[in-house]
């Protein structure tokens, strides 16, 4: 059995060399677990293995996270505003952060960008050029700091615009903390975590205007944002808990072992 997380997206030359080996391997395994049904349906690689592939979403155990520090949460809201948007993730080429910065141009709401990465300095220069005084780059944080930020924020935004973003743990953590979500439709796990019109808003990729409209919608409608956040929490508990992950893998292992015994 193999868990399949992502197609090769950017390394086109390497893929030409690797493709025969990849298909030889996938052709021999008994079962393939994709990390979301969206990815299972949209992957050109997995298309030929539909008969032995299934979806088992990534799950998180909230018990492994520290508890939010109430005083720090209060301090964060005093410092950055009672309501602010939050992005958490490594600043890589497929995260869509340059579109998010464009969306923030002359926006009235605060945005906190958490995480480091190869594009960090470039993004900070872009923010300075656009005079985005309400965008705050916090760099890398530890788990306690991340939990405090998740608890304090108004909404989690995840603007990844390319299929290199196969799932989106930062987005799922937002759901775990009951936050309304914003992401892009790229045919991967992001729009499986965030169901448009239920747990948040899903917009077309590579569109600063669409991101801005989604942020404006949540900002102007606190009641709607609260309903989305509550639904996101319920969806996390129903679909993305560590218990559900373990149950699904245990069942798949049993099926594979059973078939092997018959053979």
C-alpha atoms as a PDB file:
ATOM      1  CA  UNK A   1       0.000   0.000   0.000  1.00  0.00           C
ATOM      2  CA  UNK A   2       1.225   3.532  -0.732  1.00  0.00           C
ATOM      3  CA  UNK A   3      -0.004   6.986   0.235  1.00  0.00           C
ATOM      4  CA  UNK A   4       0.012   9.320  -2.772  1.00  0.00           C
ATOM      5  CA  UNK A   5       0.281  12.961  -1.797  1.00  0.00           C
ATOM      6  CA  UNK A   6       1.206  14.964  -4.901  1.00  0.00           C
ATOM      7  CA  UNK A   7       1.888  14.780  -8.611  1.00  0.00           C
ATOM      8  CA  UNK A   8       5.189  16.107  -9.897  1.00  0.00           C
ATOM      9  CA  UNK A   9       4.197  19.596 -10.975  1.00  0.00           C
ATOM     10  CA  UNK A  10       7.238  21.781 -11.549  1.00  0.00           C
ATOM     11  CA  UNK A  11      10.058  19.357 -12.415  1.00  0.00           C
ATOM     12  CA  UNK A  12       8.939  18.578 -15.966  1.00  0.00           C
ATOM     13  CA  UNK A  13      12.297  17.266 -17.184  1.00  0.00           C
ATOM     14  CA  UNK A  14      12.763  15.025 -14.165  1.00  0.00           C
ATOM     15  CA  UNK A  15       9.253  13.677 -14.686  1.00  0.00           C
ATOM     16  CA  UNK A  16      10.152  12.361 -18.144  1.00  0.00           C
ATOM     17  CA  UNK A  17      12.898  10.238 -16.592  1.00  0.00           C
ATOM     18  CA  UNK A  18      10.924   9.247 -13.508  1.00  0.00           C
ATOM     19  CA  UNK A  19       7.551   8.439 -15.130  1.00  0.00           C
ATOM     20  CA  UNK A  20       8.304   4.811 -16.205  1.00  0.00           C
ATOM     21  CA  UNK A  21       9.631   3.928 -12.747  1.00  0.00           C
ATOM     22  CA  UNK A  22       6.676   5.647 -11.070  1.00  0.00           C
ATOM     23  CA  UNK A  23       4.094   3.738 -13.091  1.00  0.00           C
ATOM     24  CA  UNK A  24       5.956   0.453 -12.660  1.00  0.00           C
ATOM     25  CA  UNK A  25       5.797   0.966  -8.901  1.00  0.00           C
ATOM     26  CA  UNK A  26       2.185   2.144  -8.755  1.00  0.00           C
ATOM     27  CA  UNK A  27       1.139  -0.684 -11.039  1.00  0.00           C
ATOM     28  CA  UNK A  28       2.476  -3.273  -8.590  1.00  0.00           C
ATOM     29  CA  UNK A  29       1.087  -1.938  -5.296  1.00  0.00           C
ATOM     30  CA  UNK A  30      -2.164  -3.384  -3.951  1.00  0.00           C
ATOM     31  CA  UNK A  31      -3.759  -0.122  -2.842  1.00  0.00           C
ATOM     32  CA  UNK A  32      -3.202   3.623  -3.217  1.00  0.00           C
ATOM     33  CA  UNK A  33      -4.458   6.163  -0.675  1.00  0.00           C
ATOM     34  CA  UNK A  34      -4.791   9.732  -1.967  1.00  0.00           C
ATOM     35  CA  UNK A  35      -5.012  12.493   0.610  1.00  0.00           C
ATOM     36  CA  UNK A  36      -8.290  13.906  -0.734  1.00  0.00           C
ATOM     37  CA  UNK A  37     -11.016  12.843  -3.169  1.00  0.00           C
ATOM     38  CA  UNK A  38     -10.418  16.078  -5.079  1.00  0.00           C
ATOM     39  CA  UNK A  39      -6.825  15.059  -5.758  1.00  0.00           C
ATOM     40  CA  UNK A  40      -7.848  11.520  -6.620  1.00  0.00           C
ATOM     41  CA  UNK A  41     -10.263  12.864  -9.239  1.00  0.00           C
ATOM     42  CA  UNK A  42      -7.978  15.533 -10.700  1.00  0.00           C
ATOM     43  CA  UNK A  43      -4.629  13.699 -10.820  1.00  0.00           C
ATOM     44  CA  UNK A  44      -3.701  12.496 -14.298  1.00  0.00           C
ATOM     45  CA  UNK A  45      -1.361   9.967 -12.693  1.00  0.00           C
ATOM     46  CA  UNK A  46      -4.015   8.411 -10.446  1.00  0.00           C
ATOM     47  CA  UNK A  47      -6.604   8.353 -13.211  1.00  0.00           C
ATOM     48  CA  UNK A  48      -5.336   5.004 -14.492  1.00  0.00           C
ATOM     49  CA  UNK A  49      -5.405   3.440 -11.000  1.00  0.00           C
ATOM     50  CA  UNK A  50      -8.982   4.241 -10.009  1.00  0.00           C
ATOM     51  CA  UNK A  51      -9.723   0.552  -9.443  1.00  0.00           C
ATOM     52  CA  UNK A  52      -7.316   0.346  -6.498  1.00  0.00           C
ATOM     53  CA  UNK A  53      -7.202   3.947  -5.280  1.00  0.00           C
ATOM     54  CA  UNK A  54      -9.246   5.533  -2.540  1.00  0.00           C
ATOM     55  CA  UNK A  55      -9.188   8.748  -0.536  1.00  0.00           C
ATOM     56  CA  UNK A  56      -7.965   8.896   3.057  1.00  0.00           C
ATOM     57  CA  UNK A  57      -7.696  12.538   4.150  1.00  0.00           C
ATOM     58  CA  UNK A  58      -4.891  13.708   6.410  1.00  0.00           C
ATOM     59  CA  UNK A  59      -6.021  13.979  10.025  1.00  0.00           C
ATOM     60  CA  UNK A  60      -4.812  16.087  12.945  1.00  0.00           C
ATOM     61  CA  UNK A  61      -4.829  15.271  16.665  1.00  0.00           C
ATOM     62  CA  UNK A  62      -5.702  18.472  18.481  1.00  0.00           C
ATOM     63  CA  UNK A  63      -4.552  16.862  21.737  1.00  0.00           C
ATOM     64  CA  UNK A  64      -0.961  17.122  20.445  1.00  0.00           C
ATOM     65  CA  UNK A  65      -1.240  20.920  20.166  1.00  0.00           C
ATOM     66  CA  UNK A  66      -0.643  23.200  23.148  1.00  0.00           C
ATOM     67  CA  UNK A  67      -3.595  25.053  24.639  1.00  0.00           C
ATOM     68  CA  UNK A  68      -3.930  28.711  23.604  1.00  0.00           C
ATOM     69  CA  UNK A  69      -2.636  31.218  26.137  1.00  0.00           C
ATOM     70  CA  UNK A  70      -5.591  33.487  26.876  1.00  0.00           C
ATOM     71  CA  UNK A  71      -3.505  36.487  27.880  1.00  0.00           C
ATOM     72  CA  UNK A  72      -1.339  36.236  24.761  1.00  0.00           C
ATOM     73  CA  UNK A  73      -4.459  35.942  22.588  1.00  0.00           C
ATOM     74  CA  UNK A  74      -5.812  39.128  24.167  1.00  0.00           C
ATOM     75  CA  UNK A  75      -2.473  40.878  23.645  1.00  0.00           C
ATOM     76  CA  UNK A  76      -2.390  39.854  19.968  1.00  0.00           C
ATOM     77  CA  UNK A  77      -5.829  41.369  19.399  1.00  0.00           C
ATOM     78  CA  UNK A  78      -4.810  44.549  21.187  1.00  0.00           C
ATOM     79  CA  UNK A  79      -1.668  44.801  19.050  1.00  0.00           C
ATOM     80  CA  UNK A  80      -3.003  43.888  15.611  1.00  0.00           C
ATOM     81  CA  UNK A  81      -6.712  44.529  15.943  1.00  0.00           C
ATOM     82  CA  UNK A  82      -9.704  42.693  17.336  1.00  0.00           C
ATOM     83  CA  UNK A  83     -10.078  41.109  13.886  1.00  0.00           C
ATOM     84  CA  UNK A  84      -7.267  40.131  11.530  1.00  0.00           C
ATOM     85  CA  UNK A  85      -6.641  37.651   8.714  1.00  0.00           C
ATOM     86  CA  UNK A  86      -3.930  35.029   9.119  1.00  0.00           C
ATOM     87  CA  UNK A  87      -1.763  33.050   6.719  1.00  0.00           C
ATOM     88  CA  UNK A  88       0.449  30.257   8.072  1.00  0.00           C
ATOM     89  CA  UNK A  89       2.865  28.391   5.810  1.00  0.00           C
ATOM     90  CA  UNK A  90       6.259  28.236   4.168  1.00  0.00           C
ATOM     91  CA  UNK A  91       6.668  31.063   1.670  1.00  0.00           C
ATOM     92  CA  UNK A  92       7.180  29.079  -1.527  1.00  0.00           C
ATOM     93  CA  UNK A  93       6.393  29.771  -5.175  1.00  0.00           C
ATOM     94  CA  UNK A  94       3.019  28.015  -5.176  1.00  0.00           C
ATOM     95  CA  UNK A  95       1.566  29.686  -2.065  1.00  0.00           C
ATOM     96  CA  UNK A  96       0.053  32.588  -4.010  1.00  0.00           C
ATOM     97  CA  UNK A  97       1.197  35.183  -1.497  1.00  0.00           C
ATOM     98  CA  UNK A  98       2.023  37.752  -4.174  1.00  0.00           C
ATOM     99  CA  UNK A  99      -1.671  37.686  -5.191  1.00  0.00           C
ATOM    100  CA  UNK A 100      -2.662  38.084  -1.558  1.00  0.00           C
ATOM    101  CA  UNK A 101      -0.417  41.131  -1.185  1.00  0.00           C
ATOM    102  CA  UNK A 102      -2.031  42.652  -4.278  1.00  0.00           C
ATOM    103  CA  UNK A 103      -5.436  41.979  -2.700  1.00  0.00           C
ATOM    104  CA  UNK A 104      -4.305  43.892   0.387  1.00  0.00           C
ATOM    105  CA  UNK A 105      -3.608  47.094  -1.536  1.00  0.00           C
ATOM    106  CA  UNK A 106      -5.497  49.894   0.295  1.00  0.00           C
ATOM    107  CA  UNK A 107      -7.447  47.276   2.251  1.00  0.00           C
ATOM    108  CA  UNK A 108      -8.789  48.304   5.681  1.00  0.00           C
ATOM    109  CA  UNK A 109      -8.103  45.014   7.479  1.00  0.00           C
ATOM    110  CA  UNK A 110      -4.888  43.647   9.034  1.00  0.00           C
ATOM    111  CA  UNK A 111      -3.090  40.561   7.666  1.00  0.00           C
ATOM    112  CA  UNK A 112      -0.495  38.545   9.571  1.00  0.00           C
ATOM    113  CA  UNK A 113       1.866  36.379   7.496  1.00  0.00           C
ATOM    114  CA  UNK A 114       3.456  33.597   9.532  1.00  0.00           C
ATOM    115  CA  UNK A 115       6.322  31.462   8.274  1.00  0.00           C
ATOM    116  CA  UNK A 116       9.612  31.813   6.437  1.00  0.00           C
ATOM    117  CA  UNK A 117      10.869  30.493   3.116  1.00  0.00           C
ATOM    118  CA  UNK A 118      12.717  31.286  -0.103  1.00  0.00           C
ATOM    119  CA  UNK A 119      10.332  34.100  -1.114  1.00  0.00           C
ATOM    120  CA  UNK A 120      10.203  35.844   2.251  1.00  0.00           C
ATOM    121  CA  UNK A 121      12.485  38.770   1.395  1.00  0.00           C
ATOM    122  CA  UNK A 122      10.923  39.262  -2.019  1.00  0.00           C
ATOM    123  CA  UNK A 123       7.438  39.363  -0.488  1.00  0.00           C
ATOM    124  CA  UNK A 124       8.542  41.843   2.146  1.00  0.00           C
ATOM    125  CA  UNK A 125       9.938  44.097  -0.582  1.00  0.00           C
ATOM    126  CA  UNK A 126       6.650  43.832  -2.480  1.00  0.00           C
ATOM    127  CA  UNK A 127       4.706  44.793   0.633  1.00  0.00           C
ATOM    128  CA  UNK A 128       6.985  47.793   1.139  1.00  0.00           C
ATOM    129  CA  UNK A 129       6.578  48.854  -2.496  1.00  0.00           C
ATOM    130  CA  UNK A 130       2.787  48.641  -2.173  1.00  0.00           C
ATOM    131  CA  UNK A 131       2.952  50.542   1.152  1.00  0.00           C
ATOM    132  CA  UNK A 132       1.089  47.776   2.967  1.00  0.00           C
ATOM    133  CA  UNK A 133       1.444  49.028   6.501  1.00  0.00           C
ATOM    134  CA  UNK A 134      -1.319  46.671   7.652  1.00  0.00           C
ATOM    135  CA  UNK A 135       0.595  43.527   6.554  1.00  0.00           C
ATOM    136  CA  UNK A 136       2.804  42.083   9.275  1.00  0.00           C
ATOM    137  CA  UNK A 137       5.477  39.454   8.564  1.00  0.00           C
ATOM    138  CA  UNK A 138       6.080  37.490  11.750  1.00  0.00           C
ATOM    139  CA  UNK A 139       8.568  34.956  10.391  1.00  0.00           C
ATOM    140  CA  UNK A 140       8.878  31.481  11.899  1.00  0.00           C
ATOM    141  CA  UNK A 141       6.992  30.801  15.124  1.00  0.00           C
ATOM    142  CA  UNK A 142       6.884  27.868  17.518  1.00  0.00           C
ATOM    143  CA  UNK A 143       3.806  25.698  18.096  1.00  0.00           C
ATOM    144  CA  UNK A 144       2.600  27.709  21.083  1.00  0.00           C
ATOM    145  CA  UNK A 145       2.835  30.974  19.162  1.00  0.00           C
ATOM    146  CA  UNK A 146       1.036  29.437  16.179  1.00  0.00           C
ATOM    147  CA  UNK A 147      -1.797  28.183  18.364  1.00  0.00           C
ATOM    148  CA  UNK A 148      -2.165  31.611  19.968  1.00  0.00           C
ATOM    149  CA  UNK A 149      -2.352  33.237  16.532  1.00  0.00           C
ATOM    150  CA  UNK A 150      -4.895  30.705  15.284  1.00  0.00           C
ATOM    151  CA  UNK A 151      -7.055  31.340  18.327  1.00  0.00           C
ATOM    152  CA  UNK A 152      -6.759  35.115  18.005  1.00  0.00           C
ATOM    153  CA  UNK A 153      -7.377  35.522  14.267  1.00  0.00           C
ATOM    154  CA  UNK A 154     -10.665  36.327  12.555  1.00  0.00           C
ATOM    155  CA  UNK A 155     -10.128  34.144   9.491  1.00  0.00           C
ATOM    156  CA  UNK A 156      -7.470  31.893   7.947  1.00  0.00           C
ATOM    157  CA  UNK A 157      -6.585  32.617   4.323  1.00  0.00           C
ATOM    158  CA  UNK A 158      -4.676  30.200   2.115  1.00  0.00           C
ATOM    159  CA  UNK A 159      -4.093  31.634  -1.380  1.00  0.00           C
ATOM    160  CA  UNK A 160      -2.084  28.745  -2.921  1.00  0.00           C
ATOM    161  CA  UNK A 161      -2.614  28.912  -6.669  1.00  0.00           C
ATOM    162  CA  UNK A 162      -0.797  25.860  -8.092  1.00  0.00           C
ATOM    163  CA  UNK A 163      -1.298  22.095  -7.710  1.00  0.00           C
ATOM    164  CA  UNK A 164       2.011  21.850  -5.896  1.00  0.00           C
ATOM    165  CA  UNK A 165      -0.185  22.630  -2.887  1.00  0.00           C
ATOM    166  CA  UNK A 166      -1.616  19.150  -2.547  1.00  0.00           C
ATOM    167  CA  UNK A 167      -3.469  19.556   0.750  1.00  0.00           C
ATOM    168  CA  UNK A 168      -2.896  22.535   3.065  1.00  0.00           C
ATOM    169  CA  UNK A 169      -2.183  21.744   6.713  1.00  0.00           C
ATOM    170  CA  UNK A 170      -2.341  25.429   7.681  1.00  0.00           C
ATOM    171  CA  UNK A 171      -5.846  25.594   6.242  1.00  0.00           C
ATOM    172  CA  UNK A 172      -6.880  22.456   8.141  1.00  0.00           C
ATOM    173  CA  UNK A 173      -5.490  23.924  11.360  1.00  0.00           C
ATOM    174  CA  UNK A 174      -7.742  26.917  10.769  1.00  0.00           C
ATOM    175  CA  UNK A 175     -10.718  24.569  10.526  1.00  0.00           C
ATOM    176  CA  UNK A 176      -9.600  22.798  13.705  1.00  0.00           C
ATOM    177  CA  UNK A 177      -9.707  26.147  15.521  1.00  0.00           C
ATOM    178  CA  UNK A 178     -13.132  26.958  14.106  1.00  0.00           C
ATOM    179  CA  UNK A 179     -12.119  29.781  11.783  1.00  0.00           C
ATOM    180  CA  UNK A 180     -13.839  30.776   8.530  1.00  0.00           C
ATOM    181  CA  UNK A 181     -11.610  29.829   5.612  1.00  0.00           C
ATOM    182  CA  UNK A 182     -10.592  31.358   2.281  1.00  0.00           C
ATOM    183  CA  UNK A 183      -8.706  29.364  -0.358  1.00  0.00           C
ATOM    184  CA  UNK A 184      -8.427  28.872  -4.118  1.00  0.00           C
ATOM    185  CA  UNK A 185      -9.872  26.139  -6.331  1.00  0.00           C
ATOM    186  CA  UNK A 186      -6.864  24.216  -7.644  1.00  0.00           C
ATOM    187  CA  UNK A 187      -8.370  20.725  -7.688  1.00  0.00           C
ATOM    188  CA  UNK A 188      -6.539  19.535  -4.586  1.00  0.00           C
ATOM    189  CA  UNK A 189      -7.164  19.093  -0.880  1.00  0.00           C
ATOM    190  CA  UNK A 190      -7.591  22.819  -0.208  1.00  0.00           C
ATOM    191  CA  UNK A 191     -11.150  22.864  -1.553  1.00  0.00           C
ATOM    192  CA  UNK A 192     -11.881  19.548   0.158  1.00  0.00           C
ATOM    193  CA  UNK A 193     -10.983  21.054   3.519  1.00  0.00           C
ATOM    194  CA  UNK A 194     -12.823  24.284   2.710  1.00  0.00           C
ATOM    195  CA  UNK A 195     -16.268  23.677   1.209  1.00  0.00           C
ATOM    196  CA  UNK A 196     -17.438  26.801  -0.585  1.00  0.00           C
ATOM    197  CA  UNK A 197     -20.475  28.353   1.036  1.00  0.00           C
ATOM    198  CA  UNK A 198     -20.278  26.033   4.030  1.00  0.00           C
ATOM    199  CA  UNK A 199     -16.939  26.423   5.826  1.00  0.00           C
ATOM    200  CA  UNK A 200     -15.780  29.507   3.965  1.00  0.00           C
ATOM    201  CA  UNK A 201     -15.165  30.878   0.494  1.00  0.00           C
ATOM    202  CA  UNK A 202     -13.331  29.236  -2.423  1.00  0.00           C
ATOM    203  CA  UNK A 203     -12.182  31.564  -5.203  1.00  0.00           C
ATOM    204  CA  UNK A 204     -10.446  31.144  -8.575  1.00  0.00           C
ATOM    205  CA  UNK A 205      -6.638  30.950  -8.352  1.00  0.00           C
ATOM    206  CA  UNK A 206      -4.287  33.768  -9.342  1.00  0.00           C
ATOM    207  CA  UNK A 207      -6.921  36.452  -8.738  1.00  0.00           C
ATOM    208  CA  UNK A 208      -6.117  39.245  -6.314  1.00  0.00           C
ATOM    209  CA  UNK A 209      -9.568  40.679  -6.968  1.00  0.00           C
ATOM    210  CA  UNK A 210     -11.323  37.449  -6.001  1.00  0.00           C
ATOM    211  CA  UNK A 211      -9.270  37.158  -2.814  1.00  0.00           C
ATOM    212  CA  UNK A 212     -10.077  40.750  -1.912  1.00  0.00           C
ATOM    213  CA  UNK A 213     -13.798  40.228  -2.516  1.00  0.00           C
ATOM    214  CA  UNK A 214     -13.800  37.120  -0.309  1.00  0.00           C
ATOM    215  CA  UNK A 215     -11.991  38.968   2.477  1.00  0.00           C
ATOM    216  CA  UNK A 216     -14.388  41.886   2.182  1.00  0.00           C
ATOM    217  CA  UNK A 217     -17.362  39.519   2.380  1.00  0.00           C
ATOM    218  CA  UNK A 218     -16.171  37.969   5.626  1.00  0.00           C
ATOM    219  CA  UNK A 219     -15.142  41.326   7.065  1.00  0.00           C
ATOM    220  CA  UNK A 220     -18.544  42.886   6.362  1.00  0.00           C
ATOM    221  CA  UNK A 221     -20.528  39.881   7.626  1.00  0.00           C
ATOM    222  CA  UNK A 222     -19.361  38.727  11.084  1.00  0.00           C
ATOM    223  CA  UNK A 223     -22.423  36.509  11.472  1.00  0.00           C
ATOM    224  CA  UNK A 224     -21.638  34.698   8.246  1.00  0.00           C
ATOM    225  CA  UNK A 225     -17.995  34.362   9.270  1.00  0.00           C
ATOM    226  CA  UNK A 226     -19.053  32.843  12.584  1.00  0.00           C
ATOM    227  CA  UNK A 227     -21.304  30.296  10.841  1.00  0.00           C
ATOM    228  CA  UNK A 228     -18.513  29.335   8.470  1.00  0.00           C
ATOM    229  CA  UNK A 229     -16.108  28.924  11.373  1.00  0.00           C
ATOM    230  CA  UNK A 230     -18.513  26.728  13.307  1.00  0.00           C
ATOM    231  CA  UNK A 231     -19.082  24.572  10.228  1.00  0.00           C
ATOM    232  CA  UNK A 232     -15.323  24.307   9.645  1.00  0.00           C
ATOM    233  CA  UNK A 233     -14.872  22.994  13.187  1.00  0.00           C
ATOM    234  CA  UNK A 234     -17.624  20.409  12.699  1.00  0.00           C
ATOM    235  CA  UNK A 235     -16.092  19.315   9.404  1.00  0.00           C
ATOM    236  CA  UNK A 236     -12.697  18.895  11.064  1.00  0.00           C
ATOM    237  CA  UNK A 237     -14.225  16.667  13.747  1.00  0.00           C
ATOM    238  CA  UNK A 238     -16.222  14.610  11.237  1.00  0.00           C
ATOM    239  CA  UNK A 239     -13.625  14.184   8.483  1.00  0.00           C
ATOM    240  CA  UNK A 240     -10.123  15.217   9.542  1.00  0.00           C
ATOM    241  CA  UNK A 241      -9.592  13.937  13.074  1.00  0.00           C
ATOM    242  CA  UNK A 242      -6.654  11.642  13.808  1.00  0.00           C
ATOM    243  CA  UNK A 243      -9.138   9.002  14.951  1.00  0.00           C
ATOM    244  CA  UNK A 244     -10.839   9.011  11.547  1.00  0.00           C
ATOM    245  CA  UNK A 245      -7.436   8.824   9.830  1.00  0.00           C
ATOM    246  CA  UNK A 246      -6.433   5.803  11.905  1.00  0.00           C
ATOM    247  CA  UNK A 247      -9.752   4.053  11.350  1.00  0.00           C
ATOM    248  CA  UNK A 248      -9.574   4.491   7.578  1.00  0.00           C
ATOM    249  CA  UNK A 249      -5.980   3.235   7.305  1.00  0.00           C
ATOM    250  CA  UNK A 250      -6.686   0.294   9.604  1.00  0.00           C
ATOM    251  CA  UNK A 251      -9.606  -0.736   7.415  1.00  0.00           C
ATOM    252  CA  UNK A 252      -7.535  -0.422   4.251  1.00  0.00           C
ATOM    253  CA  UNK A 253      -4.682  -2.495   5.698  1.00  0.00           C
ATOM    254  CA  UNK A 254      -7.187  -5.196   6.664  1.00  0.00           C
ATOM    255  CA  UNK A 255      -8.578  -5.245   3.136  1.00  0.00           C
ATOM    256  CA  UNK A 256      -5.109  -5.526   1.594  1.00  0.00           C
ATOM    257  CA  UNK A 257      -4.055  -8.314   3.978  1.00  0.00           C
ATOM    258  CA  UNK A 258      -7.311 -10.169   3.338  1.00  0.00           C
ATOM    259  CA  UNK A 259      -6.824 -10.031  -0.423  1.00  0.00           C
ATOM    260  CA  UNK A 260      -3.217 -11.149  -0.053  1.00  0.00           C
ATOM    261  CA  UNK A 261      -4.300 -14.190   1.989  1.00  0.00           C
ATOM    262  CA  UNK A 262      -6.792 -15.179  -0.709  1.00  0.00           C
ATOM    263  CA  UNK A 263      -4.092 -14.915  -3.367  1.00  0.00           C
END
